[in-house]
């Protein structure tokens, strides 16, 4: 064997990545880059998964945050993250690397440095994306952009500890092949700190409040499939090449990764059937499969195939159990990021200490075995040390970063903006039949949901005076703010539906408080009582739950609903700024529902005037008859 071949063998048998003495072939570089490109598509998977899990009023916003992770987080990883992880200039130490800042190298080392950078960049953006799920539906986008910029520091230091040739965990023999700890557990712990700082979503854990429904379970499943596909590149690409015996490890890794996900899926589907009244819960299935993939990521090339089934099954149990436990503690994690990545990542690291077998191909274990293969407790001890160090680092630094951002610019959206949804508030995107409770948002759609119609009748039929606790008479005034629905009840038995601007302070922030004045304007005081605002300004029997004004422009398409006869309803367009629905019709509707004209199928008969589709949309409001069917 020549001196060069001995040098290559020594470099490849060394633990960790050494960018100065680990020559790779062009085949290796092709493998690394191809894997990195596939891993990059996992951002799409994360985006679809998170958009499917959150409520419909925040789908666009969570996708935008996945874009932010790449754009801003990727920039800072190029600036200093890669250098702190794998820099090898003077001053490099077991804690962090020095060098390769603002990555730009000469042709001699171009291949290995650039291919490693692209591969590790995909890992770094994944670690930040995990956190975005835990912070979903209540974090301001501007604050999250700043967090994405600085969160690189949370990932890059543990990456040096475990993967650089001179990292202190690598020297101790810690094994985290593809990042159960460095990527997933670090991201999961950061997500836990973030959700604790933010607190739960509004009304998330109110008494008898149901769990928020998934906006689009199909999107969540598609996102899971994309992550599943990307995970194969995530794990197999971590062989960092296919030359010599690496291709064998890559093939084995693919098998153990798939088997682990299969066992995790079986456990999750079974658990859903037995614990969810024989229903196959989408969240159980998705989280169980992803948790099993996280669990096997640290050990995939150094375990037997049947052992991957055990690791994956336990990973699914850990994931589902952790998610249930956190919900009981009232920790609000909209996409179960803490359970899937944090808890399962810790189990994945620990599993190495039990199941690892000596690797005769590339010596990934440095000749050590896990406890079940006669290796004693050494590997378990080292893996536990890695769990503790990475948890303390990621938790502590994430807390510091988010605390500073919160003090400087605020992390959380206002309660009003949260109720309206980040899609509308931050992106001016609105759609019909979302749970933002907007009847007329000033956009193209004016559909009213059944729940909104019920709120309309409830606000009209059962008004209460906050101060006296008595029902209002015709000479009293109250304004109720009920989830974006504007309803005015006047003494002549008419109900008006109209937009009204939310109460805001001098800085433009909405005030929502329980039972206390939110703002004084002359002699007018606004109050909040059980989610409804009461304005004691004019005494005129007016009930006006507030609707959101269009943030893009002041031009609104206005329409009037009026009842012409008892037997029919007509819809016509007017040029004024209010929507009118005759209160007498509603009263008759409530008292004598059988009088509503209906067809053979029992549906209310309606007549609309005008050929414009907008009139047809306005007419849908008259379907209030179907809220209280005959």
Foldseek 3Di string as FASTA:
>chain_A
DDPLVVQQLVQLLFFFDALPRHDDDVQLLVLLQVLLVLLLLLLLLLLLQLLQLDFVQASVVLNVLSVLLCPQLLVLCLQPLVQQQAADDPPQAQQTHHDCGNNDDDPVSVRSVVSVSSNVSSLLSLLLSLLSQLQPLWWDPVLSSLCSNPVSVLQRRLNNLRHHSRHVLRVLQQFQQQPLPSRQQLSLLLNLLNLVVRAAAPPCPPPPDDHDHGNHLVSSVVSLVSVLSSLLSSQLSSLSGPPQPSVVLSVQLNLLLVLLLVLLQVLQQVCCCVVVVHDRDSLSNSLSSLQSNSQQRRARSFFDSVVSSVSSNVSSVQLVVVVVVCVVVRRDRSNSSNSSRNRSSLNSSQVQQAGGDQDPRSRNRVRAHHPPVPRPRSSNVSSVVSSVVSSCSSNVVSNVSSVVSCVVPRTTAASLDSLQHCCCVPPVDDDPPTRLQAQFAQDLFRAHDLVNLVVQCCLQPDDADPVPRHHADQQAFWEWAARAWFWWQAPVQKIKTFADAADADPVRGHFADAADFRDDDPPWTWHAHPRIITIRPGGGRTYTRHHHYRPVDNDGFAWEWEQDDQAETETGGDDDGIYIYGRVNVVCCVPPLVSFDDDPVQAGDYDYDDPDVSRVSVCNVVSNSVSPGD
